[in-house]
């Protein structure tokens, strides 16, 4: 799969959180997120391992009992079934990989 860069294709997941699937295969899905300052992703868990890279901005992750402030260049890997949430401290851009593929993030056709 090859996809050309485009500013379109984002969908709203939560207030202040937009997501766009960049590419996916049989085992992984790559997504880009735009998050607005003040947005929050409530603590949740899912079966997918989630590996990410902070492109721009600043966010505070809660992963299990730990809290981490992430800035551009920081990375993370959250194992499946581990509770996690996010507080967006500045407008942010994040790229994440999910394995296995998150079917709820597949492009709508």
C-alpha atoms as a PDB file:
ATOM      1  CA  UNK A   1       0.000   0.000   0.000  1.00  0.00           C
ATOM      2  CA  UNK A   2       1.236   3.456  -0.898  1.00  0.00           C
ATOM      3  CA  UNK A   3      -0.552   6.692  -0.054  1.00  0.00           C
ATOM      4  CA  UNK A   4       0.334  10.224  -1.162  1.00  0.00           C
ATOM      5  CA  UNK A   5       0.346  12.952   1.487  1.00  0.00           C
ATOM      6  CA  UNK A   6      -2.921  14.912   1.693  1.00  0.00           C
ATOM      7  CA  UNK A   7      -4.395  17.323   4.215  1.00  0.00           C
ATOM      8  CA  UNK A   8      -7.837  15.762   3.787  1.00  0.00           C
ATOM      9  CA  UNK A   9      -9.236  12.514   5.158  1.00  0.00           C
ATOM     10  CA  UNK A  10      -9.343  13.313   8.885  1.00  0.00           C
ATOM     11  CA  UNK A  11     -12.317  12.307  11.005  1.00  0.00           C
ATOM     12  CA  UNK A  12     -13.348  13.508  14.435  1.00  0.00           C
ATOM     13  CA  UNK A  13     -12.902  10.913  17.180  1.00  0.00           C
ATOM     14  CA  UNK A  14     -13.542  13.112  20.219  1.00  0.00           C
ATOM     15  CA  UNK A  15     -13.892  16.834  20.835  1.00  0.00           C
ATOM     16  CA  UNK A  16     -10.531  18.294  19.709  1.00  0.00           C
ATOM     17  CA  UNK A  17      -9.174  14.955  18.421  1.00  0.00           C
ATOM     18  CA  UNK A  18      -8.927  14.159  14.700  1.00  0.00           C
ATOM     19  CA  UNK A  19      -7.500  10.965  13.204  1.00  0.00           C
ATOM     20  CA  UNK A  20      -6.492   9.895   9.717  1.00  0.00           C
ATOM     21  CA  UNK A  21      -5.394   6.401   8.713  1.00  0.00           C
ATOM     22  CA  UNK A  22      -2.178   6.709   6.703  1.00  0.00           C
ATOM     23  CA  UNK A  23      -1.586   3.066   5.775  1.00  0.00           C
ATOM     24  CA  UNK A  24      -2.456  -0.436   6.942  1.00  0.00           C
ATOM     25  CA  UNK A  25      -1.680  -4.030   6.182  1.00  0.00           C
ATOM     26  CA  UNK A  26      -2.521  -7.434   7.604  1.00  0.00           C
ATOM     27  CA  UNK A  27      -0.838  -6.838  10.988  1.00  0.00           C
ATOM     28  CA  UNK A  28      -0.394  -3.088  11.556  1.00  0.00           C
ATOM     29  CA  UNK A  29      -2.165   0.220  11.060  1.00  0.00           C
ATOM     30  CA  UNK A  30      -0.433   3.627  10.888  1.00  0.00           C
ATOM     31  CA  UNK A  31      -2.470   6.688  11.904  1.00  0.00           C
ATOM     32  CA  UNK A  32      -1.899  10.423  12.293  1.00  0.00           C
ATOM     33  CA  UNK A  33      -3.660  12.397  15.017  1.00  0.00           C
ATOM     34  CA  UNK A  34      -4.233  16.133  15.347  1.00  0.00           C
ATOM     35  CA  UNK A  35      -5.095  17.084  18.912  1.00  0.00           C
ATOM     36  CA  UNK A  36      -6.207  20.512  20.092  1.00  0.00           C
ATOM     37  CA  UNK A  37      -4.960  22.060  23.349  1.00  0.00           C
ATOM     38  CA  UNK A  38      -7.362  21.228  26.178  1.00  0.00           C
ATOM     39  CA  UNK A  39      -8.649  18.025  24.568  1.00  0.00           C
ATOM     40  CA  UNK A  40      -8.563  14.812  26.571  1.00  0.00           C
ATOM     41  CA  UNK A  41      -8.688  11.127  25.718  1.00  0.00           C
ATOM     42  CA  UNK A  42     -10.274   9.404  28.728  1.00  0.00           C
ATOM     43  CA  UNK A  43      -8.506   6.470  30.350  1.00  0.00           C
ATOM     44  CA  UNK A  44      -9.331   3.351  28.349  1.00  0.00           C
ATOM     45  CA  UNK A  45      -7.747   0.117  27.199  1.00  0.00           C
ATOM     46  CA  UNK A  46      -7.838  -2.052  24.095  1.00  0.00           C
ATOM     47  CA  UNK A  47      -6.199  -5.211  22.834  1.00  0.00           C
ATOM     48  CA  UNK A  48      -3.855  -3.335  20.467  1.00  0.00           C
ATOM     49  CA  UNK A  49      -0.206  -2.570  21.146  1.00  0.00           C
ATOM     50  CA  UNK A  50       0.192   1.172  20.456  1.00  0.00           C
ATOM     51  CA  UNK A  51       3.549   2.675  19.479  1.00  0.00           C
ATOM     52  CA  UNK A  52       3.790   6.406  18.874  1.00  0.00           C
ATOM     53  CA  UNK A  53       5.941   9.394  17.937  1.00  0.00           C
ATOM     54  CA  UNK A  54       5.276  13.006  18.958  1.00  0.00           C
ATOM     55  CA  UNK A  55       5.720  15.198  15.861  1.00  0.00           C
ATOM     56  CA  UNK A  56       4.675  18.501  17.446  1.00  0.00           C
ATOM     57  CA  UNK A  57       3.110  19.827  20.649  1.00  0.00           C
ATOM     58  CA  UNK A  58       2.991  18.619  24.223  1.00  0.00           C
ATOM     59  CA  UNK A  59       0.800  15.998  25.901  1.00  0.00           C
ATOM     60  CA  UNK A  60       0.613  14.226  29.254  1.00  0.00           C
ATOM     61  CA  UNK A  61       0.057  10.473  29.077  1.00  0.00           C
ATOM     62  CA  UNK A  62      -1.247   8.367  31.915  1.00  0.00           C
ATOM     63  CA  UNK A  63      -0.205   4.762  31.323  1.00  0.00           C
ATOM     64  CA  UNK A  64      -1.157   2.392  34.102  1.00  0.00           C
ATOM     65  CA  UNK A  65      -0.102   4.136  37.340  1.00  0.00           C
ATOM     66  CA  UNK A  66       2.557   6.288  35.624  1.00  0.00           C
ATOM     67  CA  UNK A  67       2.362   9.751  34.048  1.00  0.00           C
ATOM     68  CA  UNK A  68       4.643  11.051  31.271  1.00  0.00           C
ATOM     69  CA  UNK A  69       4.917  14.452  29.564  1.00  0.00           C
ATOM     70  CA  UNK A  70       5.736  14.037  25.883  1.00  0.00           C
ATOM     71  CA  UNK A  71       7.291  16.647  23.603  1.00  0.00           C
ATOM     72  CA  UNK A  72       8.436  16.575  19.964  1.00  0.00           C
ATOM     73  CA  UNK A  73      10.746  13.639  19.261  1.00  0.00           C
ATOM     74  CA  UNK A  74       9.483  11.551  22.213  1.00  0.00           C
ATOM     75  CA  UNK A  75       8.190   8.032  21.609  1.00  0.00           C
ATOM     76  CA  UNK A  76       6.136   5.443  23.510  1.00  0.00           C
ATOM     77  CA  UNK A  77       4.860   1.909  23.346  1.00  0.00           C
ATOM     78  CA  UNK A  78       1.730   0.940  25.270  1.00  0.00           C
ATOM     79  CA  UNK A  79       1.118  -2.808  25.571  1.00  0.00           C
ATOM     80  CA  UNK A  80      -2.341  -4.136  24.762  1.00  0.00           C
ATOM     81  CA  UNK A  81      -4.903  -4.171  27.596  1.00  0.00           C
ATOM     82  CA  UNK A  82      -3.012  -1.512  29.638  1.00  0.00           C
ATOM     83  CA  UNK A  83      -5.175   1.413  30.777  1.00  0.00           C
ATOM     84  CA  UNK A  84      -4.055   4.760  29.313  1.00  0.00           C
ATOM     85  CA  UNK A  85      -5.324   8.275  28.639  1.00  0.00           C
ATOM     86  CA  UNK A  86      -4.041  11.637  27.385  1.00  0.00           C
ATOM     87  CA  UNK A  87      -4.311  15.305  28.328  1.00  0.00           C
ATOM     88  CA  UNK A  88      -3.373  17.642  25.460  1.00  0.00           C
ATOM     89  CA  UNK A  89      -1.252  20.512  26.845  1.00  0.00           C
ATOM     90  CA  UNK A  90      -0.534  22.209  23.471  1.00  0.00           C
ATOM     91  CA  UNK A  91      -1.879  21.701  19.956  1.00  0.00           C
ATOM     92  CA  UNK A  92      -0.210  18.421  18.991  1.00  0.00           C
ATOM     93  CA  UNK A  93       0.465  16.066  16.085  1.00  0.00           C
ATOM     94  CA  UNK A  94       1.158  12.399  16.761  1.00  0.00           C
ATOM     95  CA  UNK A  95       1.820   9.389  14.521  1.00  0.00           C
ATOM     96  CA  UNK A  96       0.974   5.958  15.948  1.00  0.00           C
ATOM     97  CA  UNK A  97       1.115   2.305  14.899  1.00  0.00           C
ATOM     98  CA  UNK A  98      -1.452  -0.190  16.176  1.00  0.00           C
ATOM     99  CA  UNK A  99      -1.027  -3.963  16.132  1.00  0.00           C
ATOM    100  CA  UNK A 100      -3.101  -5.871  15.358  1.00  0.00           C
ATOM    101  CA  UNK A 101      -4.962  -3.596  12.953  1.00  0.00           C
ATOM    102  CA  UNK A 102      -7.629  -1.468  14.658  1.00  0.00           C
ATOM    103  CA  UNK A 103     -10.626  -2.226  12.498  1.00  0.00           C
ATOM    104  CA  UNK A 104     -12.457   0.809  13.893  1.00  0.00           C
ATOM    105  CA  UNK A 105      -9.684   2.993  12.385  1.00  0.00           C
ATOM    106  CA  UNK A 106      -9.886   1.515   8.875  1.00  0.00           C
ATOM    107  CA  UNK A 107     -10.960   4.044   6.230  1.00  0.00           C
ATOM    108  CA  UNK A 108     -14.696   4.231   5.663  1.00  0.00           C
ATOM    109  CA  UNK A 109     -15.516   3.184   2.108  1.00  0.00           C
END
